[in-house]
PDB file of N, CA and C in Angstrom:
ATOM      1  N   MET A   1     -28.968 -39.368  17.442  1.00  0.00           N
ATOM      2  CA  MET A   1     -29.512 -38.026  18.630  1.00  0.00           C
ATOM      3  C   MET A   1     -30.935 -38.169  19.104  1.00  0.00           C
ATOM      4  N   SER A   2     -31.270 -37.945  19.902  1.00  0.00           N
ATOM      5  CA  SER A   2     -32.235 -37.879  20.508  1.00  0.00           C
ATOM      6  C   SER A   2     -33.444 -36.962  20.412  1.00  0.00           C
ATOM      7  N   PRO A   3     -34.651 -37.064  20.465  1.00  0.00           N
ATOM      8  CA  PRO A   3     -35.725 -35.786  20.030  1.00  0.00           C
ATOM      9  C   PRO A   3     -35.345 -34.455  20.844  1.00  0.00           C
ATOM     10  N   ASN A   4     -34.564 -34.824  21.611  1.00  0.00           N
ATOM     11  CA  ASN A   4     -34.304 -33.636  22.628  1.00  0.00           C
ATOM     12  C   ASN A   4     -33.096 -32.958  23.031  1.00  0.00           C
ATOM     13  N   SER A   5     -32.218 -33.507  21.886  1.00  0.00           N
ATOM     14  CA  SER A   5     -30.813 -32.514  21.556  1.00  0.00           C
ATOM     15  C   SER A   5     -30.702 -31.918  20.088  1.00  0.00           C
ATOM     16  N   PHE A   6     -32.591 -31.541  19.987  1.00  0.00           N
ATOM     17  CA  PHE A   6     -32.514 -30.090  18.873  1.00  0.00           C
ATOM     18  C   PHE A   6     -31.612 -29.106  19.513  1.00  0.00           C
ATOM     19  N   LEU A   7     -30.927 -28.441  19.129  1.00  0.00           N
ATOM     20  CA  LEU A   7     -29.984 -26.894  19.069  1.00  0.00           C
ATOM     21  C   LEU A   7     -31.370 -25.664  19.086  1.00  0.00           C
ATOM     22  N   GLY A   8     -31.011 -25.282  20.176  1.00  0.00           N
ATOM     23  CA  GLY A   8     -31.948 -24.124  20.031  1.00  0.00           C
ATOM     24  C   GLY A   8     -30.598 -22.684  19.134  1.00  0.00           C
ATOM     25  N   GLU A   9     -31.366 -21.852  18.933  1.00  0.00           N
ATOM     26  CA  GLU A   9     -30.508 -20.520  17.924  1.00  0.00           C
ATOM     27  C   GLU A   9     -28.949 -20.512  18.551  1.00  0.00           C
ATOM     28  N   PHE A  10     -29.513 -19.741  20.459  1.00  0.00           N
ATOM     29  CA  PHE A  10     -28.386 -18.897  21.217  1.00  0.00           C
ATOM     30  C   PHE A  10     -27.098 -20.374  21.377  1.00  0.00           C
ATOM     31  N   GLU A  11     -27.665 -21.403  21.290  1.00  0.00           N
ATOM     32  CA  GLU A  11     -27.060 -23.202  21.144  1.00  0.00           C
ATOM     33  C   GLU A  11     -26.367 -22.670  20.111  1.00  0.00           C
ATOM     34  N   GLN A  12     -26.974 -22.918  19.099  1.00  0.00           N
ATOM     35  CA  GLN A  12     -25.869 -22.960  17.603  1.00  0.00           C
ATOM     36  C   GLN A  12     -25.063 -21.321  17.823  1.00  0.00           C
ATOM     37  N   MET A  13     -25.330 -20.932  18.200  1.00  0.00           N
ATOM     38  CA  MET A  13     -24.302 -19.244  18.136  1.00  0.00           C
ATOM     39  C   MET A  13     -23.247 -20.072  18.793  1.00  0.00           C
ATOM     40  N   VAL A  14     -23.257 -20.321  20.286  1.00  0.00           N
ATOM     41  CA  VAL A  14     -22.270 -20.976  21.110  1.00  0.00           C
ATOM     42  C   VAL A  14     -21.395 -22.077  20.321  1.00  0.00           C
ATOM     43  N   LEU A  15     -21.973 -22.863  19.571  1.00  0.00           N
ATOM     44  CA  LEU A  15     -21.211 -23.649  19.363  1.00  0.00           C
ATOM     45  C   LEU A  15     -20.020 -23.962  18.235  1.00  0.00           C
ATOM     46  N   LEU A  16     -20.610 -22.464  17.094  1.00  0.00           N
ATOM     47  CA  LEU A  16     -19.922 -21.666  15.740  1.00  0.00           C
ATOM     48  C   LEU A  16     -19.197 -20.983  16.677  1.00  0.00           C
ATOM     49  N   GLY A  17     -19.606 -19.792  17.304  1.00  0.00           N
ATOM     50  CA  GLY A  17     -18.415 -19.131  18.347  1.00  0.00           C
ATOM     51  C   GLY A  17     -17.686 -19.949  18.629  1.00  0.00           C
ATOM     52  N   ILE A  18     -17.476 -21.051  19.064  1.00  0.00           N
ATOM     53  CA  ILE A  18     -16.355 -22.137  19.624  1.00  0.00           C
ATOM     54  C   ILE A  18     -15.332 -22.240  18.198  1.00  0.00           C
ATOM     55  N   LEU A  19     -16.106 -22.475  17.722  1.00  0.00           N
ATOM     56  CA  LEU A  19     -15.355 -23.540  16.452  1.00  0.00           C
ATOM     57  C   LEU A  19     -14.969 -22.300  15.479  1.00  0.00           C
ATOM     58  N   GLN A  20     -15.665 -21.012  15.596  1.00  0.00           N
ATOM     59  CA  GLN A  20     -14.787 -20.146  15.129  1.00  0.00           C
ATOM     60  C   GLN A  20     -13.630 -19.315  15.843  1.00  0.00           C
ATOM     61  N   GLU A  21     -13.387 -19.692  16.425  1.00  0.00           N
ATOM     62  CA  GLU A  21     -12.378 -19.086  17.942  1.00  0.00           C
ATOM     63  C   GLU A  21     -11.294 -20.063  17.990  1.00  0.00           C
ATOM     64  N   GLY A  22     -11.537 -21.581  17.000  1.00  0.00           N
ATOM     65  CA  GLY A  22     -10.216 -22.458  17.312  1.00  0.00           C
ATOM     66  C   GLY A  22      -9.951 -22.294  18.649  1.00  0.00           C
ATOM     67  N   ASP A  23      -8.245 -22.295  18.537  1.00  0.00           N
ATOM     68  CA  ASP A  23      -7.355 -23.062  19.568  1.00  0.00           C
ATOM     69  C   ASP A  23      -7.480 -21.589  20.605  1.00  0.00           C
ATOM     70  N   GLU A  24      -8.351 -20.732  20.176  1.00  0.00           N
ATOM     71  CA  GLU A  24      -8.952 -19.296  21.332  1.00  0.00           C
ATOM     72  C   GLU A  24     -10.306 -19.336  21.751  1.00  0.00           C
ATOM     73  N   ALA A  25     -11.041 -20.546  22.130  1.00  0.00           N
ATOM     74  CA  ALA A  25     -11.683 -20.128  22.107  1.00  0.00           C
ATOM     75  C   ALA A  25     -12.024 -20.215  23.840  1.00  0.00           C
ATOM     76  N   PHE A  26     -11.335 -19.585  24.262  1.00  0.00           N
ATOM     77  CA  PHE A  26     -12.069 -18.809  25.660  1.00  0.00           C
ATOM     78  C   PHE A  26     -13.017 -18.200  25.845  1.00  0.00           C
ATOM     79  N   ALA A  27     -13.795 -18.202  26.592  1.00  0.00           N
ATOM     80  CA  ALA A  27     -15.178 -17.691  26.994  1.00  0.00           C
ATOM     81  C   ALA A  27     -14.933 -16.332  26.327  1.00  0.00           C
ATOM     82  N   LEU A  28     -14.573 -15.250  26.897  1.00  0.00           N
ATOM     83  CA  LEU A  28     -14.499 -13.838  26.372  1.00  0.00           C
ATOM     84  C   LEU A  28     -14.187 -13.830  24.848  1.00  0.00           C
ATOM     85  N   GLU A  29     -13.524 -14.796  24.318  1.00  0.00           N
ATOM     86  CA  GLU A  29     -13.120 -14.860  22.638  1.00  0.00           C
ATOM     87  C   GLU A  29     -14.503 -15.037  22.451  1.00  0.00           C
ATOM     88  N   VAL A  30     -15.278 -15.771  22.506  1.00  0.00           N
ATOM     89  CA  VAL A  30     -16.121 -16.924  22.127  1.00  0.00           C
ATOM     90  C   VAL A  30     -17.431 -15.676  21.987  1.00  0.00           C
ATOM     91  N   ARG A  31     -17.839 -14.844  23.103  1.00  0.00           N
ATOM     92  CA  ARG A  31     -18.659 -14.136  23.712  1.00  0.00           C
ATOM     93  C   ARG A  31     -18.173 -13.184  22.778  1.00  0.00           C
ATOM     94  N   ARG A  32     -17.430 -12.594  22.814  1.00  0.00           N
ATOM     95  CA  ARG A  32     -17.138 -11.057  21.911  1.00  0.00           C
ATOM     96  C   ARG A  32     -17.109 -11.580  20.226  1.00  0.00           C
ATOM     97  N   GLU A  33     -17.465 -13.137  20.032  1.00  0.00           N
ATOM     98  CA  GLU A  33     -17.477 -13.134  18.657  1.00  0.00           C
ATOM     99  C   GLU A  33     -18.655 -13.009  17.853  1.00  0.00           C
ATOM    100  N   ILE A  34     -19.584 -13.927  18.929  1.00  0.00           N
ATOM    101  CA  ILE A  34     -21.065 -14.006  18.833  1.00  0.00           C
ATOM    102  C   ILE A  34     -21.428 -12.652  18.874  1.00  0.00           C
ATOM    103  N   GLU A  35     -20.897 -11.512  19.758  1.00  0.00           N
ATOM    104  CA  GLU A  35     -21.560 -10.770  19.770  1.00  0.00           C
ATOM    105  C   GLU A  35     -21.055  -9.784  17.967  1.00  0.00           C
ATOM    106  N   ARG A  36     -20.032 -10.321  18.178  1.00  0.00           N
ATOM    107  CA  ARG A  36     -19.560  -9.471  16.665  1.00  0.00           C
ATOM    108  C   ARG A  36     -20.549  -9.776  15.628  1.00  0.00           C
ATOM    109  N   SER A  37     -20.388 -11.116  15.247  1.00  0.00           N
ATOM    110  CA  SER A  37     -20.651 -11.855  13.592  1.00  0.00           C
ATOM    111  C   SER A  37     -22.359 -11.369  14.269  1.00  0.00           C
ATOM    112  N   ALA A  38     -23.149 -11.853  15.282  1.00  0.00           N
ATOM    113  CA  ALA A  38     -24.544 -12.089  15.640  1.00  0.00           C
ATOM    114  C   ALA A  38     -25.097 -10.405  15.926  1.00  0.00           C
ATOM    115  N   ASP A  39     -23.969  -9.455  15.913  1.00  0.00           N
ATOM    116  CA  ASP A  39     -25.041  -7.950  16.089  1.00  0.00           C
ATOM    117  C   ASP A  39     -25.669  -8.007  17.418  1.00  0.00           C
ATOM    118  N   ARG A  40     -25.300  -8.603  18.207  1.00  0.00           N
ATOM    119  CA  ARG A  40     -26.144  -8.882  19.518  1.00  0.00           C
ATOM    120  C   ARG A  40     -25.408  -9.059  20.954  1.00  0.00           C
ATOM    121  N   THR A  41     -26.336  -8.344  21.966  1.00  0.00           N
ATOM    122  CA  THR A  41     -25.211  -8.391  23.303  1.00  0.00           C
ATOM    123  C   THR A  41     -25.447  -9.960  23.861  1.00  0.00           C
ATOM    124  N   VAL A  42     -24.518 -10.206  24.516  1.00  0.00           N
ATOM    125  CA  VAL A  42     -24.302 -11.766  25.459  1.00  0.00           C
ATOM    126  C   VAL A  42     -23.733 -11.654  26.800  1.00  0.00           C
ATOM    127  N   SER A  43     -25.152 -12.140  27.473  1.00  0.00           N
ATOM    128  CA  SER A  43     -24.995 -11.379  29.107  1.00  0.00           C
ATOM    129  C   SER A  43     -24.106 -12.545  29.356  1.00  0.00           C
ATOM    130  N   ARG A  44     -23.236 -12.518  30.184  1.00  0.00           N
ATOM    131  CA  ARG A  44     -22.754 -13.504  30.935  1.00  0.00           C
ATOM    132  C   ARG A  44     -23.317 -14.604  31.358  1.00  0.00           C
ATOM    133  N   GLY A  45     -24.438 -14.142  32.476  1.00  0.00           N
ATOM    134  CA  GLY A  45     -25.018 -15.459  32.699  1.00  0.00           C
ATOM    135  C   GLY A  45     -25.755 -16.430  31.638  1.00  0.00           C
ATOM    136  N   ALA A  46     -26.314 -15.907  30.978  1.00  0.00           N
ATOM    137  CA  ALA A  46     -27.093 -16.660  29.605  1.00  0.00           C
ATOM    138  C   ALA A  46     -26.005 -17.330  29.081  1.00  0.00           C
ATOM    139  N   PHE A  47     -25.162 -16.929  28.905  1.00  0.00           N
ATOM    140  CA  PHE A  47     -23.536 -17.740  27.801  1.00  0.00           C
ATOM    141  C   PHE A  47     -23.143 -18.827  29.165  1.00  0.00           C
ATOM    142  N   TYR A  48     -22.845 -18.640  30.127  1.00  0.00           N
ATOM    143  CA  TYR A  48     -22.654 -19.895  30.774  1.00  0.00           C
ATOM    144  C   TYR A  48     -23.384 -20.945  31.203  1.00  0.00           C
ATOM    145  N   THR A  49     -25.120 -20.619  31.225  1.00  0.00           N
ATOM    146  CA  THR A  49     -25.696 -21.825  31.527  1.00  0.00           C
ATOM    147  C   THR A  49     -25.837 -22.332  30.077  1.00  0.00           C
ATOM    148  N   THR A  50     -25.731 -21.890  28.651  1.00  0.00           N
ATOM    149  CA  THR A  50     -25.663 -22.438  27.751  1.00  0.00           C
ATOM    150  C   THR A  50     -23.904 -23.154  27.640  1.00  0.00           C
ATOM    151  N   LEU A  51     -22.878 -22.892  28.325  1.00  0.00           N
ATOM    152  CA  LEU A  51     -22.196 -23.422  28.234  1.00  0.00           C
ATOM    153  C   LEU A  51     -22.535 -25.272  29.356  1.00  0.00           C
ATOM    154  N   ASP A  52     -22.928 -24.994  29.736  1.00  0.00           N
ATOM    155  CA  ASP A  52     -23.148 -25.923  31.006  1.00  0.00           C
ATOM    156  C   ASP A  52     -24.125 -26.745  30.471  1.00  0.00           C
ATOM    157  N   ARG A  53     -25.267 -26.115  29.810  1.00  0.00           N
ATOM    158  CA  ARG A  53     -25.815 -27.525  28.826  1.00  0.00           C
ATOM    159  C   ARG A  53     -25.256 -28.276  28.204  1.00  0.00           C
ATOM    160  N   LEU A  54     -24.911 -27.546  27.622  1.00  0.00           N
ATOM    161  CA  LEU A  54     -24.142 -27.915  25.693  1.00  0.00           C
ATOM    162  C   LEU A  54     -23.083 -28.635  26.094  1.00  0.00           C
ATOM    163  N   GLU A  55     -22.508 -28.640  27.748  1.00  0.00           N
ATOM    164  CA  GLU A  55     -21.489 -29.757  28.257  1.00  0.00           C
ATOM    165  C   GLU A  55     -22.043 -31.096  29.123  1.00  0.00           C
ATOM    166  N   ARG A  56     -23.305 -30.569  29.584  1.00  0.00           N
ATOM    167  CA  ARG A  56     -24.098 -32.253  29.977  1.00  0.00           C
ATOM    168  C   ARG A  56     -24.553 -32.958  28.526  1.00  0.00           C
ATOM    169  N   LYS A  57     -24.960 -32.176  27.237  1.00  0.00           N
ATOM    170  CA  LYS A  57     -25.151 -32.846  26.255  1.00  0.00           C
ATOM    171  C   LYS A  57     -24.260 -33.577  25.536  1.00  0.00           C
ATOM    172  N   GLY A  58     -22.896 -33.471  26.433  1.00  0.00           N
ATOM    173  CA  GLY A  58     -21.726 -33.535  25.655  1.00  0.00           C
ATOM    174  C   GLY A  58     -21.518 -33.372  24.095  1.00  0.00           C
ATOM    175  N   TYR A  59     -21.884 -31.846  24.213  1.00  0.00           N
ATOM    176  CA  TYR A  59     -21.688 -31.133  22.974  1.00  0.00           C
ATOM    177  C   TYR A  59     -20.257 -30.358  22.764  1.00  0.00           C
ATOM    178  N   VAL A  60     -20.261 -30.270  23.863  1.00  0.00           N
ATOM    179  CA  VAL A  60     -18.633 -29.512  24.264  1.00  0.00           C
ATOM    180  C   VAL A  60     -17.619 -29.970  25.377  1.00  0.00           C
ATOM    181  N   VAL A  61     -16.646 -29.723  24.865  1.00  0.00           N
ATOM    182  CA  VAL A  61     -15.635 -29.986  26.327  1.00  0.00           C
ATOM    183  C   VAL A  61     -14.695 -29.176  26.438  1.00  0.00           C
ATOM    184  N   TRP A  62     -13.878 -28.905  28.082  1.00  0.00           N
ATOM    185  CA  TRP A  62     -13.019 -27.876  27.887  1.00  0.00           C
ATOM    186  C   TRP A  62     -11.889 -28.500  28.629  1.00  0.00           C
ATOM    187  N   SER A  63     -10.903 -28.033  28.351  1.00  0.00           N
ATOM    188  CA  SER A  63      -9.672 -28.254  29.270  1.00  0.00           C
ATOM    189  C   SER A  63      -8.855 -26.819  29.714  1.00  0.00           C
ATOM    190  N   GLU A  64      -7.807 -26.873  30.943  1.00  0.00           N
ATOM    191  CA  GLU A  64      -7.412 -25.217  31.113  1.00  0.00           C
ATOM    192  C   GLU A  64      -6.117 -25.405  30.337  1.00  0.00           C
ATOM    193  N   ALA A  65      -5.920 -23.508  30.233  1.00  0.00           N
ATOM    194  CA  ALA A  65      -5.214 -23.667  29.528  1.00  0.00           C
ATOM    195  C   ALA A  65      -4.403 -21.938  29.791  1.00  0.00           C
ATOM    196  N   GLU A  66      -3.296 -21.668  29.901  1.00  0.00           N
ATOM    197  CA  GLU A  66      -3.203 -20.490  30.117  1.00  0.00           C
ATOM    198  C   GLU A  66      -2.818 -19.092  29.569  1.00  0.00           C
ATOM    199  N   SER A  67      -3.381 -18.126  29.497  1.00  0.00           N
ATOM    200  CA  SER A  67      -3.127 -17.297  28.748  1.00  0.00           C
ATOM    201  C   SER A  67      -2.168 -16.671  28.306  1.00  0.00           C
ATOM    202  N   ASP A  68      -2.132 -15.780  26.920  1.00  0.00           N
ATOM    203  CA  ASP A  68      -0.397 -15.401  26.512  1.00  0.00           C
ATOM    204  C   ASP A  68      -1.040 -13.990  26.859  1.00  0.00           C
ATOM    205  N   ASP A  69      -2.117 -13.607  27.305  1.00  0.00           N
ATOM    206  CA  ASP A  69      -2.202 -12.271  28.071  1.00  0.00           C
ATOM    207  C   ASP A  69      -1.851 -11.948  29.792  1.00  0.00           C
ATOM    208  N   PRO A  70      -0.755 -10.860  29.351  1.00  0.00           N
ATOM    209  CA  PRO A  70      -0.635 -10.979  31.267  1.00  0.00           C
ATOM    210  C   PRO A  70      -1.079  -9.988  32.229  1.00  0.00           C
ATOM    211  N   ARG A  71      -2.467  -9.789  31.470  1.00  0.00           N
ATOM    212  CA  ARG A  71      -3.748  -8.738  32.161  1.00  0.00           C
ATOM    213  C   ARG A  71      -4.434 -10.114  32.832  1.00  0.00           C
ATOM    214  N   ARG A  72      -4.573 -11.224  32.643  1.00  0.00           N
ATOM    215  CA  ARG A  72      -5.389 -12.348  32.578  1.00  0.00           C
ATOM    216  C   ARG A  72      -4.959 -13.471  33.577  1.00  0.00           C
ATOM    217  N   THR A  73      -5.152 -13.542  34.312  1.00  0.00           N
ATOM    218  CA  THR A  73      -4.130 -14.592  35.880  1.00  0.00           C
ATOM    219  C   THR A  73      -5.262 -15.622  35.915  1.00  0.00           C
ATOM    220  N   GLY A  74      -4.424 -16.548  36.104  1.00  0.00           N
ATOM    221  CA  GLY A  74      -5.016 -17.898  36.153  1.00  0.00           C
ATOM    222  C   GLY A  74      -5.114 -18.625  35.219  1.00  0.00           C
ATOM    223  N   PRO A  75      -5.322 -19.769  35.505  1.00  0.00           N
ATOM    224  CA  PRO A  75      -5.821 -20.611  34.392  1.00  0.00           C
ATOM    225  C   PRO A  75      -7.320 -20.088  33.593  1.00  0.00           C
ATOM    226  N   LEU A  76      -7.449 -20.592  32.268  1.00  0.00           N
ATOM    227  CA  LEU A  76      -8.433 -20.077  31.789  1.00  0.00           C
ATOM    228  C   LEU A  76      -8.687 -21.917  31.290  1.00  0.00           C
ATOM    229  N   ARG A  77     -10.571 -21.489  30.869  1.00  0.00           N
ATOM    230  CA  ARG A  77     -10.797 -23.049  30.222  1.00  0.00           C
ATOM    231  C   ARG A  77     -10.681 -22.778  28.783  1.00  0.00           C
ATOM    232  N   ARG A  78     -10.269 -23.398  27.897  1.00  0.00           N
ATOM    233  CA  ARG A  78     -10.927 -23.277  26.341  1.00  0.00           C
ATOM    234  C   ARG A  78     -11.869 -24.636  26.253  1.00  0.00           C
ATOM    235  N   PHE A  79     -12.345 -23.794  25.026  1.00  0.00           N
ATOM    236  CA  PHE A  79     -13.544 -24.744  24.729  1.00  0.00           C
ATOM    237  C   PHE A  79     -13.015 -25.483  23.178  1.00  0.00           C
ATOM    238  N   GLU A  80     -14.489 -26.911  23.212  1.00  0.00           N
ATOM    239  CA  GLU A  80     -14.143 -27.769  22.184  1.00  0.00           C
ATOM    240  C   GLU A  80     -14.999 -28.413  21.847  1.00  0.00           C
ATOM    241  N   VAL A  81     -15.032 -28.210  20.602  1.00  0.00           N
ATOM    242  CA  VAL A  81     -16.865 -28.558  20.220  1.00  0.00           C
ATOM    243  C   VAL A  81     -16.809 -30.173  19.993  1.00  0.00           C
ATOM    244  N   THR A  82     -17.066 -30.998  20.600  1.00  0.00           N
ATOM    245  CA  THR A  82     -16.958 -32.779  20.489  1.00  0.00           C
ATOM    246  C   THR A  82     -17.943 -33.111  19.371  1.00  0.00           C
ATOM    247  N   PRO A  83     -17.276 -34.378  18.155  1.00  0.00           N
ATOM    248  CA  PRO A  83     -17.846 -34.907  17.268  1.00  0.00           C
ATOM    249  C   PRO A  83     -19.869 -34.765  17.602  1.00  0.00           C
ATOM    250  N   GLU A  84     -20.232 -34.889  18.623  1.00  0.00           N
ATOM    251  CA  GLU A  84     -21.498 -34.977  19.043  1.00  0.00           C
ATOM    252  C   GLU A  84     -21.795 -33.667  18.586  1.00  0.00           C
ATOM    253  N   GLY A  85     -21.387 -32.584  19.215  1.00  0.00           N
ATOM    254  CA  GLY A  85     -22.394 -31.131  19.065  1.00  0.00           C
ATOM    255  C   GLY A  85     -21.827 -30.911  17.798  1.00  0.00           C
ATOM    256  N   LEU A  86     -20.866 -31.404  16.706  1.00  0.00           N
ATOM    257  CA  LEU A  86     -20.900 -31.178  15.177  1.00  0.00           C
ATOM    258  C   LEU A  86     -22.154 -32.091  14.500  1.00  0.00           C
ATOM    259  N   LEU A  87     -22.515 -33.016  15.062  1.00  0.00           N
ATOM    260  CA  LEU A  87     -23.210 -33.749  14.304  1.00  0.00           C
ATOM    261  C   LEU A  87     -24.922 -33.141  14.682  1.00  0.00           C
ATOM    262  N   ALA A  88     -24.515 -32.528  16.043  1.00  0.00           N
ATOM    263  CA  ALA A  88     -26.212 -31.724  16.319  1.00  0.00           C
ATOM    264  C   ALA A  88     -26.227 -30.710  15.838  1.00  0.00           C
ATOM    265  N   LEU A  89     -25.214 -29.481  15.383  1.00  0.00           N
ATOM    266  CA  LEU A  89     -25.016 -28.579  13.944  1.00  0.00           C
ATOM    267  C   LEU A  89     -25.117 -28.849  12.907  1.00  0.00           C
ATOM    268  N   ARG A  90     -25.232 -30.136  12.589  1.00  0.00           N
ATOM    269  CA  ARG A  90     -24.762 -30.401  11.091  1.00  0.00           C
ATOM    270  C   ARG A  90     -26.751 -30.939  10.702  1.00  0.00           C
ATOM    271  N   VAL A  91     -26.890 -31.233  12.177  1.00  0.00           N
ATOM    272  CA  VAL A  91     -28.454 -31.652  11.952  1.00  0.00           C
ATOM    273  C   VAL A  91     -29.481 -30.736  11.927  1.00  0.00           C
ATOM    274  N   SER A  92     -28.931 -29.621  13.049  1.00  0.00           N
ATOM    275  CA  SER A  92     -29.804 -28.190  12.358  1.00  0.00           C
ATOM    276  C   SER A  92     -30.018 -27.168  11.095  1.00  0.00           C
ATOM    277  N   ARG A  93     -28.784 -27.410  11.085  1.00  0.00           N
ATOM    278  CA  ARG A  93     -28.407 -27.186   9.424  1.00  0.00           C
ATOM    279  C   ARG A  93     -29.055 -27.618   8.504  1.00  0.00           C
ATOM    280  N   ARG A  94     -29.462 -28.591   8.206  1.00  0.00           N
ATOM    281  CA  ARG A  94     -30.017 -29.441   7.439  1.00  0.00           C
ATOM    282  C   ARG A  94     -31.352 -29.207   7.579  1.00  0.00           C
ATOM    283  N   ALA A  95     -31.777 -29.398   9.117  1.00  0.00           N
ATOM    284  CA  ALA A  95     -33.047 -28.934   8.943  1.00  0.00           C
ATOM    285  C   ALA A  95     -33.495 -27.584   8.570  1.00  0.00           C
ATOM    286  N   PHE A  96     -32.618 -26.521   8.678  1.00  0.00           N
ATOM    287  CA  PHE A  96     -32.912 -25.609   8.301  1.00  0.00           C
ATOM    288  C   PHE A  96     -33.195 -24.942   6.890  1.00  0.00           C
ATOM    289  N   ASP A  97     -31.939 -26.037   6.344  1.00  0.00           N
ATOM    290  CA  ASP A  97     -31.870 -25.593   4.849  1.00  0.00           C
ATOM    291  C   ASP A  97     -33.790 -25.888   4.659  1.00  0.00           C
ATOM    292  N   ALA A  98     -34.107 -27.561   4.925  1.00  0.00           N
ATOM    293  CA  ALA A  98     -34.996 -27.799   4.190  1.00  0.00           C
ATOM    294  C   ALA A  98     -35.827 -26.750   4.899  1.00  0.00           C
ATOM    295  N   LEU A  99     -36.396 -26.325   5.858  1.00  0.00           N
ATOM    296  CA  LEU A  99     -37.496 -25.861   5.871  1.00  0.00           C
ATOM    297  C   LEU A  99     -37.419 -24.111   5.038  1.00  0.00           C
ATOM    298  N   SER A 100     -36.347 -23.640   4.765  1.00  0.00           N
ATOM    299  CA  SER A 100     -36.030 -22.291   4.339  1.00  0.00           C
ATOM    300  C   SER A 100     -35.845 -22.667   2.450  1.00  0.00           C
ATOM    301  N   ARG A 101     -36.166 -24.040   2.233  1.00  0.00           N
ATOM    302  CA  ARG A 101     -35.959 -24.053   0.424  1.00  0.00           C
ATOM    303  C   ARG A 101     -37.243 -23.683  -0.065  1.00  0.00           C
ATOM    304  N   GLY A 102     -36.831 -22.441  -1.249  1.00  0.00           N
ATOM    305  CA  GLY A 102     -37.674 -22.487  -2.023  1.00  0.00           C
ATOM    306  C   GLY A 102     -37.906 -21.077  -1.215  1.00  0.00           C
ATOM    307  N   LEU A 103     -37.506 -20.394  -0.339  1.00  0.00           N
ATOM    308  CA  LEU A 103     -38.531 -19.352   0.611  1.00  0.00           C
ATOM    309  C   LEU A 103     -37.223 -18.063  -0.014  1.00  0.00           C
ATOM    310  N   ASP A 104     -36.043 -18.118  -0.803  1.00  0.00           N
ATOM    311  CA  ASP A 104     -35.180 -16.662  -1.347  1.00  0.00           C
ATOM    312  C   ASP A 104     -35.226 -15.837  -1.261  1.00  0.00           C
ATOM    313  N   GLU A 105     -36.629 -15.846  -1.630  1.00  0.00           N
ATOM    314  CA  GLU A 105     -36.994 -14.567  -2.515  1.00  0.00           C
ATOM    315  C   GLU A 105     -37.692 -13.929  -1.421  1.00  0.00           C
ATOM    316  N   VAL A 106     -38.826 -14.714   0.055  1.00  0.00           N
ATOM    317  CA  VAL A 106     -39.211 -14.225   1.059  1.00  0.00           C
ATOM    318  C   VAL A 106     -38.424 -13.999   1.882  1.00  0.00           C
ATOM    319  N   LEU A 107     -37.031 -14.419   1.911  1.00  0.00           N
ATOM    320  CA  LEU A 107     -36.370 -14.436   2.666  1.00  0.00           C
ATOM    321  C   LEU A 107     -35.339 -13.096   2.701  1.00  0.00           C
ATOM    322  N   SER A 108     -34.728 -12.806   1.215  1.00  0.00           N
ATOM    323  CA  SER A 108     -33.836 -12.124   0.895  1.00  0.00           C
ATOM    324  C   SER A 108     -33.980 -10.887   1.473  1.00  0.00           C
ATOM    325  N   GLU A 109     -32.952 -10.103   1.668  1.00  0.00           N
ATOM    326  CA  GLU A 109     -33.756  -8.748   1.924  1.00  0.00           C
ATOM    327  C   GLU A 109     -33.781  -7.479   1.322  1.00  0.00           C
ATOM    328  N   ALA A 110     -34.769  -6.875   1.441  1.00  0.00           N
ATOM    329  CA  ALA A 110     -35.033  -5.889  -0.184  1.00  0.00           C
ATOM    330  C   ALA A 110     -33.951  -5.179  -0.103  1.00  0.00           C
TER     331      ALA A 110
END
C-alpha cells in the first residue's frame, strides 16, 4: 500500500457497509446500512463521490445486477470490496487499534 492509500473515516464506513450488505450491496442498501449503523445522514453526492474514489484506488468494483424489487427498474450496480480494499481496511484497523491501546478507560462511555 502506498502512503496515499490510507482510508478516511467515511471511506472505511462505505467499505464496511458494502461488506455488511454482501450480495445485496447496492448503493441504496449500503447508504441505509451506514445511516442505520453509524446513526448519521449520508448525502447521495458524498456517497457516490466516495464510491468513485474507492473504485479509482482499486478498493471497490461493481457489476450490473437486476433488482428483485419490482419498483426498481433497470439494472443496478452491485458493489464488492476487492482484496486491496480488504487490505486497506485491515491496515486502518491495525493503526486504530495500536493508537487506542491503553485508552479503554478514556474512550469508554461513562
